[in-house]
């Protein structure tokens, strides 16, 4: 019976090591049991189903922790900033994503329009809502990727919603009382208010959301059209 059991083990494993262990067990049963266990342990190490090598574990998410969060209507949109690209918004054409200049993304994250925005010339430019506007410069935004991997950027502006519809004059007055500059109405209760392109839009939208004065606030996101 012992020989039959060991031969059955050999048939299942089909290895030379198991065959030698089976022969040893038949000749010296008291000594071979540990050896057979050792062979089995060695074969099982790193093996998956049917004795095949185990597959490596699935790769962890490459994105890691989000760099920013946009709080939109009670939902947190996780965002990852692209350290190598920016979005440029020109009035004479479609927005474009381009390679960032050295130090440009870091400068934009600090609220400056360009890497040299800390210079004396840039300091003389007017500021609004935490951003710096340089005369003649195209608005520039960091490029973010959301949880789905799609790129998005901040051309300027924040969308806010009142909790109930208001006549246009009352809505404008309420927005101005909140320190906002209304640009246009885009829905029964929704308005687009002014803010500079880039991080200032995200910061303003999150602040308005946290204050709870409006029913809804989010950046005026731009997303490139998905290509097939």
Protein backbone atom coordinates (compact mmCIF):
# COMPACT_ATOMS: atom_id res chain seq x y z
CA UNK A 1 0.00 0.00 0.00
CA UNK A 2 2.83 2.37 0.82
CA UNK A 3 4.49 1.66 -2.54
CA UNK A 4 1.20 2.21 -4.37
CA UNK A 5 0.69 5.54 -2.61
CA UNK A 6 4.18 6.70 -3.41
CA UNK A 7 3.93 5.62 -7.04
CA UNK A 8 0.66 7.50 -7.25
CA UNK A 9 2.53 10.58 -6.00
CA UNK A 10 5.13 10.06 -8.73
CA UNK A 11 2.41 9.81 -11.36
CA UNK A 12 0.86 13.07 -10.18
CA UNK A 13 4.10 15.00 -10.01
CA UNK A 14 6.02 13.30 -12.81
CA UNK A 15 9.45 14.45 -11.58
CA UNK A 16 12.75 12.69 -11.07
CA UNK A 17 12.92 13.96 -7.50
CA UNK A 18 9.61 12.33 -6.64
CA UNK A 19 10.73 9.03 -8.24
CA UNK A 20 13.93 8.95 -6.17
CA UNK A 21 11.99 9.77 -3.04
CA UNK A 22 9.54 6.95 -3.78
CA UNK A 23 12.34 4.41 -4.20
CA UNK A 24 13.98 5.61 -0.99
CA UNK A 25 10.67 5.32 0.85
CA UNK A 26 10.25 1.73 -0.33
CA UNK A 27 13.74 0.74 0.84
CA UNK A 28 13.92 2.83 4.03
CA UNK A 29 10.40 3.92 5.05
CA UNK A 30 11.42 5.52 8.32
CA UNK A 31 14.09 7.71 6.76
CA UNK A 32 12.52 8.62 3.44
CA UNK A 33 9.39 10.35 4.74
CA UNK A 34 11.20 13.63 5.60
CA UNK A 35 12.99 13.51 2.25
CA UNK A 36 9.70 13.08 0.40
CA UNK A 37 8.23 16.00 2.33
CA UNK A 38 11.25 18.12 1.42
CA UNK A 39 10.89 17.25 -2.27
CA UNK A 40 7.20 18.14 -2.14
CA UNK A 41 7.89 21.45 -0.41
CA UNK A 42 10.54 22.35 -2.99
CA UNK A 43 8.20 21.53 -5.86
CA UNK A 44 5.29 23.44 -4.37
CA UNK A 45 7.37 26.60 -3.83
CA UNK A 46 6.45 29.12 -6.52
CA UNK A 47 4.06 26.70 -8.26
CA UNK A 48 0.51 27.42 -9.16
CA UNK A 49 -2.34 25.18 -10.19
CA UNK A 50 -1.36 21.91 -11.96
CA UNK A 51 2.26 22.43 -10.86
CA UNK A 52 2.80 25.39 -13.24
CA UNK A 53 4.97 28.33 -12.17
CA UNK A 54 2.89 30.90 -10.32
CA UNK A 55 2.00 34.01 -12.28
CA UNK A 56 3.51 37.24 -10.99
CA UNK A 57 1.15 39.47 -9.04
CA UNK A 58 -0.72 42.11 -11.00
CA UNK A 59 1.16 45.40 -11.27
CA UNK A 60 0.09 48.07 -8.78
CA UNK A 61 -1.63 51.19 -10.08
CA UNK A 62 1.05 53.32 -11.70
CA UNK A 63 -0.63 56.61 -10.85
CA UNK A 64 -0.14 56.40 -7.07
CA UNK A 65 -1.82 58.95 -4.82
CA UNK A 66 -3.63 61.84 -6.53
CA UNK A 67 -1.86 65.19 -6.57
CA UNK A 68 -5.07 67.24 -6.45
CA UNK A 69 -8.77 66.83 -5.74
CA UNK A 70 -11.72 68.70 -7.22
CA UNK A 71 -14.77 68.70 -4.93
CA UNK A 72 -17.78 68.77 -7.23
CA UNK A 73 -21.29 68.44 -5.90
CA UNK A 74 -20.32 66.28 -2.93
CA UNK A 75 -18.08 64.06 -5.07
CA UNK A 76 -14.29 64.23 -4.96
CA UNK A 77 -12.71 63.98 -8.38
CA UNK A 78 -9.16 62.64 -7.99
CA UNK A 79 -6.58 64.23 -10.27
CA UNK A 80 -2.97 63.53 -11.22
CA UNK A 81 -0.91 66.41 -12.59
CA UNK A 82 1.16 65.84 -15.73
CA UNK A 83 4.67 67.05 -14.96
CA UNK A 84 5.70 67.20 -18.62
CA UNK A 85 2.81 68.92 -20.41
CA UNK A 86 0.65 72.04 -20.20
CA UNK A 87 -2.45 73.26 -22.02
CA UNK A 88 -2.30 76.63 -23.78
CA UNK A 89 -5.46 78.57 -24.58
CA UNK A 90 -5.26 81.06 -27.41
CA UNK A 91 -8.13 83.29 -28.51
CA UNK A 92 -7.13 82.78 -32.14
CA UNK A 93 -7.45 79.00 -32.24
CA UNK A 94 -8.28 75.77 -30.49
CA UNK A 95 -6.66 74.96 -27.15
CA UNK A 96 -3.53 72.88 -27.48
CA UNK A 97 -1.56 70.57 -25.22
CA UNK A 98 2.18 71.04 -25.57
CA UNK A 99 5.42 70.05 -23.86
CA UNK A 100 6.13 72.15 -20.79
CA UNK A 101 9.19 74.34 -20.61
CA UNK A 102 11.69 73.65 -17.83
CA UNK A 103 10.14 74.71 -14.55
CA UNK A 104 6.86 75.75 -16.18
CA UNK A 105 4.59 73.27 -14.41
CA UNK A 106 6.07 74.12 -11.02
CA UNK A 107 5.58 77.82 -11.73
CA UNK A 108 1.95 77.28 -12.71
CA UNK A 109 1.33 75.25 -9.56
CA UNK A 110 2.58 78.21 -7.54
CA UNK A 111 0.02 80.45 -9.26
CA UNK A 112 2.37 82.08 -11.76
CA UNK A 113 1.65 82.21 -15.47
CA UNK A 114 5.17 81.33 -16.61
CA UNK A 115 8.49 80.19 -15.06
CA UNK A 116 9.73 83.80 -15.02
CA UNK A 117 6.57 85.15 -13.41
CA UNK A 118 8.47 85.89 -10.20
CA UNK A 119 10.56 88.50 -12.04
CA UNK A 120 10.07 92.19 -11.37
CA UNK A 121 8.17 92.61 -14.64
CA UNK A 122 5.69 89.87 -13.75
CA UNK A 123 5.15 91.30 -10.28
CA UNK A 124 3.75 94.47 -11.82
CA UNK A 125 0.97 92.57 -13.60
CA UNK A 126 -2.55 92.61 -12.11
CA UNK A 127 -3.66 89.56 -10.13
CA UNK A 128 -7.07 88.01 -9.63
CA UNK A 129 -8.33 85.07 -7.58
CA UNK A 130 -4.85 83.83 -6.73
CA UNK A 131 -3.49 83.82 -10.30
CA UNK A 132 -1.12 86.08 -12.21
CA UNK A 133 -1.96 87.47 -15.63
CA UNK A 134 0.84 88.61 -17.91
CA UNK A 135 -0.11 91.09 -20.62
CA UNK A 136 -0.03 89.48 -24.06
CA UNK A 137 0.61 85.96 -22.72
CA UNK A 138 -1.68 83.09 -23.63
CA UNK A 139 -3.45 81.54 -20.65
CA UNK A 140 -1.73 78.32 -19.59
CA UNK A 141 -2.99 75.51 -17.36
CA UNK A 142 -1.49 72.35 -15.96
CA UNK A 143 -2.71 69.17 -17.61
CA UNK A 144 -4.38 66.73 -15.25
CA UNK A 145 -5.46 63.15 -15.72
CA UNK A 146 -8.56 61.92 -13.96
CA UNK A 147 -9.20 58.42 -12.65
CA UNK A 148 -10.21 57.26 -16.13
CA UNK A 149 -6.89 58.47 -17.57
CA UNK A 150 -8.40 61.22 -19.70
CA UNK A 151 -6.54 64.56 -19.80
CA UNK A 152 -8.24 67.77 -18.71
CA UNK A 153 -7.18 71.35 -18.09
CA UNK A 154 -8.38 74.64 -16.64
CA UNK A 155 -9.02 77.39 -19.23
CA UNK A 156 -10.47 79.74 -16.61
CA UNK A 157 -13.86 80.20 -15.07
CA UNK A 158 -15.92 78.36 -12.47
CA UNK A 159 -19.44 76.99 -12.86
CA UNK A 160 -21.75 77.65 -9.92
CA UNK A 161 -25.37 76.71 -9.39
CA UNK A 162 -28.00 78.37 -7.24
CA UNK A 163 -30.26 76.12 -5.20
CA UNK A 164 -33.28 77.60 -6.95
CA UNK A 165 -33.82 79.65 -10.12
CA UNK A 166 -33.39 83.41 -9.76
CA UNK A 167 -34.18 86.29 -12.09
CA UNK A 168 -31.06 87.38 -13.97
CA UNK A 169 -30.63 90.65 -12.10
CA UNK A 170 -30.99 88.94 -8.71
CA UNK A 171 -28.56 86.19 -9.72
CA UNK A 172 -25.95 88.71 -10.85
CA UNK A 173 -26.37 90.66 -7.64
CA UNK A 174 -25.95 87.50 -5.53
CA UNK A 175 -22.80 86.51 -7.42
CA UNK A 176 -21.30 89.97 -7.06
CA UNK A 177 -22.15 89.98 -3.36
CA UNK A 178 -20.09 86.78 -3.08
CA UNK A 179 -17.13 88.56 -4.65
CA UNK A 180 -17.57 86.87 -8.04
CA UNK A 181 -17.68 88.31 -11.55
CA UNK A 182 -20.59 86.75 -13.48
CA UNK A 183 -19.84 86.09 -17.14
CA UNK A 184 -22.99 84.43 -18.46
CA UNK A 185 -25.89 82.22 -17.51
CA UNK A 186 -25.53 78.66 -18.83
CA UNK A 187 -28.62 77.00 -17.39
CA UNK A 188 -31.75 77.65 -15.38
CA UNK A 189 -29.74 77.87 -12.16
CA UNK A 190 -26.15 77.71 -13.42
CA UNK A 191 -23.73 80.53 -14.13
CA UNK A 192 -20.16 80.82 -15.34
CA UNK A 193 -18.11 83.20 -13.21
CA UNK A 194 -14.69 84.59 -14.02
CA UNK A 195 -11.37 83.26 -12.74
CA UNK A 196 -7.90 83.02 -14.28
CA UNK A 197 -6.79 79.91 -16.13
CA UNK A 198 -4.87 77.28 -14.21
CA UNK A 199 -4.74 76.49 -10.52
CA UNK A 200 -6.71 79.59 -9.50
CA UNK A 201 -9.86 78.08 -11.04
CA UNK A 202 -9.50 74.84 -9.09
CA UNK A 203 -8.78 76.67 -5.84
CA UNK A 204 -11.75 79.03 -6.28
CA UNK A 205 -14.13 76.19 -7.12
CA UNK A 206 -13.06 74.17 -4.08
CA UNK A 207 -13.39 77.23 -1.83
CA UNK A 208 -16.92 77.96 -3.08
CA UNK A 209 -17.85 74.32 -2.57
CA UNK A 210 -16.53 74.32 0.99
CA UNK A 211 -18.30 77.58 1.87
CA UNK A 212 -21.63 76.00 0.93
CA UNK A 213 -23.12 79.26 -0.34
CA UNK A 214 -24.09 77.66 -3.66
CA UNK A 215 -25.68 74.36 -4.46
CA UNK A 216 -22.82 73.37 -6.72
CA UNK A 217 -19.41 74.63 -7.82
CA UNK A 218 -16.82 73.13 -10.14
CA UNK A 219 -14.03 74.31 -12.44
CA UNK A 220 -14.92 75.05 -16.05
CA UNK A 221 -13.03 71.97 -17.28
CA UNK A 222 -11.73 71.64 -20.83
CA UNK A 223 -11.14 68.16 -22.24
CA UNK A 224 -9.74 67.38 -25.69
CA UNK A 225 -12.00 65.39 -27.93
CA UNK A 226 -11.35 61.67 -27.68
CA UNK A 227 -9.84 60.28 -30.88
CA UNK A 228 -11.08 56.95 -32.19
